[in-house]
Amino acid sequence: MVNVSKLKGKIIERNTTQEALAKDIGIDKSTFYRKMKQNGSFSIQEVNLIVSSLSLSKDEALSIFFSEIVA
């Protein structure tokens, strides 16, 4: 499960927007928003592009894309 809150935080931290990130990874902004609303249902390729685009460290990527949220 993707930690969407952390991903949004990193997008802001990197001084960019969800629209710019969507364009950077080659998907429509509406598709990006839909995937974010669906708890980050990104493909492996999209995850790799997001990690690269945001220059995420290995630990940052793991904490965002492989988080286990316990209620």
C-alpha atoms as a PDB file:
ATOM      1  CA  MET A   1       0.000   0.000   0.000  1.00  0.00           C
ATOM      2  CA  VAL A   2       1.292   3.430  -0.958  1.00  0.00           C
ATOM      3  CA  ASN A   3       1.520   6.118   1.698  1.00  0.00           C
ATOM      4  CA  VAL A   4      -0.172   8.840  -0.359  1.00  0.00           C
ATOM      5  CA  SER A   5       0.305  11.477   2.367  1.00  0.00           C
ATOM      6  CA  LYS A   6       4.075  10.955   2.364  1.00  0.00           C
ATOM      7  CA  LEU A   7       4.137  11.057  -1.429  1.00  0.00           C
ATOM      8  CA  LYS A   8       2.220  14.347  -1.449  1.00  0.00           C
ATOM      9  CA  GLY A   9       4.643  15.684   1.147  1.00  0.00           C
ATOM     10  CA  LYS A  10       7.660  14.745  -0.961  1.00  0.00           C
ATOM     11  CA  ILE A  11       6.084  16.369  -4.023  1.00  0.00           C
ATOM     12  CA  ILE A  12       5.730  19.623  -2.080  1.00  0.00           C
ATOM     13  CA  GLU A  13       9.173  19.214  -0.483  1.00  0.00           C
ATOM     14  CA  ARG A  14      10.734  18.927  -3.951  1.00  0.00           C
ATOM     15  CA  ASN A  15       8.990  22.196  -4.907  1.00  0.00           C
ATOM     16  CA  THR A  16       6.854  20.682  -7.658  1.00  0.00           C
ATOM     17  CA  THR A  17       3.180  19.812  -8.202  1.00  0.00           C
ATOM     18  CA  GLN A  18       1.186  16.677  -8.879  1.00  0.00           C
ATOM     19  CA  GLU A  19       0.449  18.042 -12.368  1.00  0.00           C
ATOM     20  CA  ALA A  20       4.154  18.565 -13.101  1.00  0.00           C
ATOM     21  CA  LEU A  21       5.019  15.110 -11.766  1.00  0.00           C
ATOM     22  CA  ALA A  22       2.287  13.519 -13.889  1.00  0.00           C
ATOM     23  CA  LYS A  23       3.670  15.249 -16.976  1.00  0.00           C
ATOM     24  CA  ASP A  24       7.216  14.248 -16.029  1.00  0.00           C
ATOM     25  CA  ILE A  25       6.325  10.549 -15.775  1.00  0.00           C
ATOM     26  CA  GLY A  26       4.224  10.660 -18.950  1.00  0.00           C
ATOM     27  CA  ILE A  27       0.646  10.277 -17.726  1.00  0.00           C
ATOM     28  CA  ASP A  28      -2.330  12.610 -17.849  1.00  0.00           C
ATOM     29  CA  LYS A  29      -2.905  14.659 -14.691  1.00  0.00           C
ATOM     30  CA  SER A  30      -6.431  13.242 -14.300  1.00  0.00           C
ATOM     31  CA  THR A  31      -4.998   9.709 -14.412  1.00  0.00           C
ATOM     32  CA  PHE A  32      -2.425  10.703 -11.796  1.00  0.00           C
ATOM     33  CA  TYR A  33      -5.118  12.148  -9.513  1.00  0.00           C
ATOM     34  CA  ARG A  34      -7.260   9.017  -9.926  1.00  0.00           C
ATOM     35  CA  LYS A  35      -4.345   6.772  -9.033  1.00  0.00           C
ATOM     36  CA  MET A  36      -3.613   8.901  -5.950  1.00  0.00           C
ATOM     37  CA  LYS A  37      -7.252   8.613  -4.834  1.00  0.00           C
ATOM     38  CA  GLN A  38      -7.059   4.839  -5.283  1.00  0.00           C
ATOM     39  CA  ASN A  39      -4.327   4.637  -2.628  1.00  0.00           C
ATOM     40  CA  GLY A  40      -1.538   5.090  -5.157  1.00  0.00           C
ATOM     41  CA  SER A  41      -2.350   2.332  -7.627  1.00  0.00           C
ATOM     42  CA  PHE A  42       0.747   3.017  -9.734  1.00  0.00           C
ATOM     43  CA  SER A  43       2.469   0.474 -11.961  1.00  0.00           C
ATOM     44  CA  ILE A  44       6.041  -0.598 -11.201  1.00  0.00           C
ATOM     45  CA  GLN A  45       7.250   1.480 -14.138  1.00  0.00           C
ATOM     46  CA  GLU A  46       5.377   4.556 -12.860  1.00  0.00           C
ATOM     47  CA  VAL A  47       6.810   4.061  -9.359  1.00  0.00           C
ATOM     48  CA  ASN A  48      10.332   3.906 -10.807  1.00  0.00           C
ATOM     49  CA  LEU A  49       9.696   7.103 -12.774  1.00  0.00           C
ATOM     50  CA  ILE A  50       8.286   8.865  -9.694  1.00  0.00           C
ATOM     51  CA  VAL A  51      11.293   7.821  -7.598  1.00  0.00           C
ATOM     52  CA  SER A  52      13.630   9.087 -10.312  1.00  0.00           C
ATOM     53  CA  SER A  53      11.720  12.308 -10.951  1.00  0.00           C
ATOM     54  CA  LEU A  54      11.568  13.227  -7.257  1.00  0.00           C
ATOM     55  CA  SER A  55      15.146  12.025  -6.611  1.00  0.00           C
ATOM     56  CA  LEU A  56      13.956   9.882  -3.722  1.00  0.00           C
ATOM     57  CA  SER A  57      16.459   7.932  -1.675  1.00  0.00           C
ATOM     58  CA  LYS A  58      16.023   4.190  -1.282  1.00  0.00           C
ATOM     59  CA  ASP A  59      14.674   4.671   2.257  1.00  0.00           C
ATOM     60  CA  GLU A  60      12.248   7.396   1.138  1.00  0.00           C
ATOM     61  CA  ALA A  61      10.970   5.223  -1.714  1.00  0.00           C
ATOM     62  CA  LEU A  62      10.511   2.219   0.586  1.00  0.00           C
ATOM     63  CA  SER A  63       8.662   4.268   3.206  1.00  0.00           C
ATOM     64  CA  ILE A  64       6.294   5.661   0.566  1.00  0.00           C
ATOM     65  CA  PHE A  65       5.661   2.736  -1.765  1.00  0.00           C
ATOM     66  CA  PHE A  66       5.967  -0.181   0.631  1.00  0.00           C
ATOM     67  CA  SER A  67       4.411   1.256   3.748  1.00  0.00           C
ATOM     68  CA  GLU A  68       2.194  -0.843   5.929  1.00  0.00           C
ATOM     69  CA  ILE A  69      -0.415   1.372   7.506  1.00  0.00           C
ATOM     70  CA  VAL A  70      -1.877  -0.152  10.631  1.00  0.00           C
ATOM     71  CA  ALA A  71      -5.098   1.321  11.935  1.00  0.00           C
END
